Amino acid sequence: MKDIAIQLVDNTDSNGELMDVKIQPVRDANGKIIQGIVIGDTLQQNKALILIAHPNDFKANPTLGVGIGDITLDSDLLDYRHEIREQFSKDGLKITELDLYSVDSVKIEAHYE
């Protein structure tokens, strides 16, 4: 399953730098760390990473990435809607709702097929 993996620190976490690997050490009775890396649902994280990334950012899939940060330099949101659909599809994500008609309000509902 592509939506279960190592989680990254997000804006709801109080510890760690944003987008770092989420680590929550668990110790045994002797104080020895027995686990630490958090595994869980990463659907929202994966969607965010695809939006943020530019092509060539992912070594394993160099064509993946929307580069949404460049949207402020472009006035044609139609191109970005097409690009988001194409890039999400490359990762196996099916978009059920895409609302990008203003840079101030973006809504993307998607899930893995």
C-alpha atoms as a PDB file:
ATOM      1  CA  MET A   1       0.000   0.000   0.000  1.00  0.00           C
ATOM      2  CA  LYS A   2       1.414   3.362  -1.011  1.00  0.00           C
ATOM      3  CA  ASP A   3      -0.413   5.285   1.707  1.00  0.00           C
ATOM      4  CA  ILE A   4       1.293   3.511   4.632  1.00  0.00           C
ATOM      5  CA  ALA A   5       4.944   4.501   5.111  1.00  0.00           C
ATOM      6  CA  ILE A   6       7.374   6.522   7.208  1.00  0.00           C
ATOM      7  CA  GLN A   7       5.671   9.725   8.306  1.00  0.00           C
ATOM      8  CA  LEU A   8       7.156  13.195   8.136  1.00  0.00           C
ATOM      9  CA  VAL A   9       6.740  15.987  10.675  1.00  0.00           C
ATOM     10  CA  ASP A  10       3.784  18.176   9.703  1.00  0.00           C
ATOM     11  CA  ASN A  11       2.178  21.334  11.048  1.00  0.00           C
ATOM     12  CA  THR A  12       0.262  19.387  13.726  1.00  0.00           C
ATOM     13  CA  ASP A  13       3.450  18.142  15.418  1.00  0.00           C
ATOM     14  CA  SER A  14       5.055  20.050  18.264  1.00  0.00           C
ATOM     15  CA  ASN A  15       8.489  18.381  17.924  1.00  0.00           C
ATOM     16  CA  GLY A  16      10.867  18.411  14.968  1.00  0.00           C
ATOM     17  CA  GLU A  17      11.399  20.468  11.879  1.00  0.00           C
ATOM     18  CA  LEU A  18       8.684  20.499   9.229  1.00  0.00           C
ATOM     19  CA  MET A  19       9.159  17.669   6.680  1.00  0.00           C
ATOM     20  CA  ASP A  20      11.811  15.835   8.766  1.00  0.00           C
ATOM     21  CA  VAL A  21      11.313  12.143   9.514  1.00  0.00           C
ATOM     22  CA  LYS A  22       8.877  11.827  12.418  1.00  0.00           C
ATOM     23  CA  ILE A  23      10.607  10.135  15.344  1.00  0.00           C
ATOM     24  CA  GLN A  24       8.938   9.219  18.628  1.00  0.00           C
ATOM     25  CA  PRO A  25      11.361   7.076  20.648  1.00  0.00           C
ATOM     26  CA  VAL A  26       9.888   4.225  22.700  1.00  0.00           C
ATOM     27  CA  ARG A  27      12.142   2.797  25.406  1.00  0.00           C
ATOM     28  CA  ASP A  28      12.051  -0.521  27.223  1.00  0.00           C
ATOM     29  CA  ALA A  29      12.348  -0.925  30.999  1.00  0.00           C
ATOM     30  CA  ASN A  30      16.153  -0.545  30.768  1.00  0.00           C
ATOM     31  CA  GLY A  31      15.943   2.705  28.837  1.00  0.00           C
ATOM     32  CA  LYS A  32      17.001   1.124  25.547  1.00  0.00           C
ATOM     33  CA  ILE A  33      15.255   2.546  22.465  1.00  0.00           C
ATOM     34  CA  ILE A  34      13.197  -0.252  20.906  1.00  0.00           C
ATOM     35  CA  GLN A  35      11.418   1.772  18.235  1.00  0.00           C
ATOM     36  CA  GLY A  36      11.292   5.339  17.036  1.00  0.00           C
ATOM     37  CA  ILE A  37      10.389   5.972  13.400  1.00  0.00           C
ATOM     38  CA  VAL A  38       6.656   6.561  13.022  1.00  0.00           C
ATOM     39  CA  ILE A  39       4.867   4.478  10.386  1.00  0.00           C
ATOM     40  CA  GLY A  40       1.311   5.366   9.408  1.00  0.00           C
ATOM     41  CA  ASP A  41      -1.082   6.909   6.919  1.00  0.00           C
ATOM     42  CA  THR A  42       0.845   9.090   4.479  1.00  0.00           C
ATOM     43  CA  LEU A  43      -1.812   9.899   1.875  1.00  0.00           C
ATOM     44  CA  GLN A  44      -1.917  13.632   2.679  1.00  0.00           C
ATOM     45  CA  GLN A  45       1.871  13.724   2.968  1.00  0.00           C
ATOM     46  CA  ASN A  46       2.307  12.051  -0.422  1.00  0.00           C
ATOM     47  CA  LYS A  47      -0.096  14.488  -2.072  1.00  0.00           C
ATOM     48  CA  ALA A  48       1.791  17.434  -0.551  1.00  0.00           C
ATOM     49  CA  LEU A  49       5.178  16.087  -1.641  1.00  0.00           C
ATOM     50  CA  ILE A  50       4.008  15.633  -5.241  1.00  0.00           C
ATOM     51  CA  LEU A  51       2.641  19.189  -5.273  1.00  0.00           C
ATOM     52  CA  ILE A  52       5.788  20.709  -3.767  1.00  0.00           C
ATOM     53  CA  ALA A  53       8.360  18.718  -5.751  1.00  0.00           C
ATOM     54  CA  HIS A  54       9.723  19.735  -9.116  1.00  0.00           C
ATOM     55  CA  PRO A  55      10.664  17.204 -11.790  1.00  0.00           C
ATOM     56  CA  ASN A  56      14.007  15.559 -10.899  1.00  0.00           C
ATOM     57  CA  ASP A  57      13.441  15.972  -7.134  1.00  0.00           C
ATOM     58  CA  PHE A  58      12.580  12.264  -6.757  1.00  0.00           C
ATOM     59  CA  LYS A  59      15.528  10.088  -7.727  1.00  0.00           C
ATOM     60  CA  ALA A  60      13.360   6.983  -8.164  1.00  0.00           C
ATOM     61  CA  ASN A  61      10.835   8.838 -10.349  1.00  0.00           C
ATOM     62  CA  PRO A  62      12.533  11.863 -11.959  1.00  0.00           C
ATOM     63  CA  THR A  63       9.490  12.983 -13.951  1.00  0.00           C
ATOM     64  CA  LEU A  64       7.221  13.250 -10.872  1.00  0.00           C
ATOM     65  CA  GLY A  65       6.454  16.674  -9.410  1.00  0.00           C
ATOM     66  CA  VAL A  66       4.169  19.662  -9.972  1.00  0.00           C
ATOM     67  CA  GLY A  67       6.306  22.501  -8.602  1.00  0.00           C
ATOM     68  CA  ILE A  68       3.285  24.284  -7.158  1.00  0.00           C
ATOM     69  CA  GLY A  69       5.542  26.951  -5.615  1.00  0.00           C
ATOM     70  CA  ASP A  70       5.915  28.452  -9.082  1.00  0.00           C
ATOM     71  CA  ILE A  71       2.165  29.114  -9.291  1.00  0.00           C
ATOM     72  CA  THR A  72       2.635  32.684  -8.103  1.00  0.00           C
ATOM     73  CA  LEU A  73       4.661  33.363 -11.245  1.00  0.00           C
ATOM     74  CA  ASP A  74       1.950  32.020 -13.551  1.00  0.00           C
ATOM     75  CA  SER A  75      -1.552  33.254 -14.238  1.00  0.00           C
ATOM     76  CA  ASP A  76      -2.861  30.145 -16.037  1.00  0.00           C
ATOM     77  CA  LEU A  77      -4.291  27.865 -13.354  1.00  0.00           C
ATOM     78  CA  LEU A  78      -5.723  25.553 -16.029  1.00  0.00           C
ATOM     79  CA  ASP A  79      -2.205  24.325 -16.795  1.00  0.00           C
ATOM     80  CA  TYR A  80      -1.677  23.554 -13.101  1.00  0.00           C
ATOM     81  CA  ARG A  81      -4.986  21.649 -12.876  1.00  0.00           C
ATOM     82  CA  HIS A  82      -3.874  19.494 -15.812  1.00  0.00           C
ATOM     83  CA  GLU A  83      -0.393  19.042 -14.361  1.00  0.00           C
ATOM     84  CA  ILE A  84      -1.757  18.010 -10.955  1.00  0.00           C
ATOM     85  CA  ARG A  85      -4.027  15.402 -12.540  1.00  0.00           C
ATOM     86  CA  GLU A  86      -1.158  14.037 -14.634  1.00  0.00           C
ATOM     87  CA  GLN A  87       1.364  13.909 -11.781  1.00  0.00           C
ATOM     88  CA  PHE A  88      -1.051  12.370  -9.256  1.00  0.00           C
ATOM     89  CA  SER A  89      -1.961   9.733 -11.841  1.00  0.00           C
ATOM     90  CA  LYS A  90       1.736   8.831 -12.254  1.00  0.00           C
ATOM     91  CA  ASP A  91       1.813   7.949  -8.557  1.00  0.00           C
ATOM     92  CA  GLY A  92      -1.444   5.955  -8.715  1.00  0.00           C
ATOM     93  CA  LEU A  93      -3.621   8.649  -7.164  1.00  0.00           C
ATOM     94  CA  LYS A  94      -7.142   9.097  -8.519  1.00  0.00           C
ATOM     95  CA  ILE A  95      -8.485  12.629  -8.108  1.00  0.00           C
ATOM     96  CA  THR A  96     -12.151  12.841  -7.151  1.00  0.00           C
ATOM     97  CA  GLU A  97     -12.231  16.613  -6.641  1.00  0.00           C
ATOM     98  CA  LEU A  98      -9.859  19.329  -7.803  1.00  0.00           C
ATOM     99  CA  ASP A  99     -10.718  22.929  -6.971  1.00  0.00           C
ATOM    100  CA  LEU A 100      -7.978  25.270  -8.168  1.00  0.00           C
ATOM    101  CA  TYR A 101      -9.531  28.405  -9.559  1.00  0.00           C
ATOM    102  CA  SER A 102      -7.753  30.786  -7.188  1.00  0.00           C
ATOM    103  CA  VAL A 103      -4.326  30.509  -5.550  1.00  0.00           C
ATOM    104  CA  ASP A 104      -5.985  31.470  -2.264  1.00  0.00           C
ATOM    105  CA  SER A 105      -8.214  28.392  -2.196  1.00  0.00           C
ATOM    106  CA  VAL A 106      -7.024  24.957  -3.261  1.00  0.00           C
ATOM    107  CA  LYS A 107      -8.873  21.709  -2.574  1.00  0.00           C
ATOM    108  CA  ILE A 108      -7.686  18.334  -3.818  1.00  0.00           C
ATOM    109  CA  GLU A 109      -9.428  15.093  -2.889  1.00  0.00           C
ATOM    110  CA  ALA A 110      -7.609  11.987  -4.102  1.00  0.00           C
ATOM    111  CA  HIS A 111      -6.967   8.384  -3.121  1.00  0.00           C
ATOM    112  CA  TYR A 112      -4.846   5.496  -4.317  1.00  0.00           C
ATOM    113  CA  GLU A 113      -6.534   3.160  -6.774  1.00  0.00           C
END
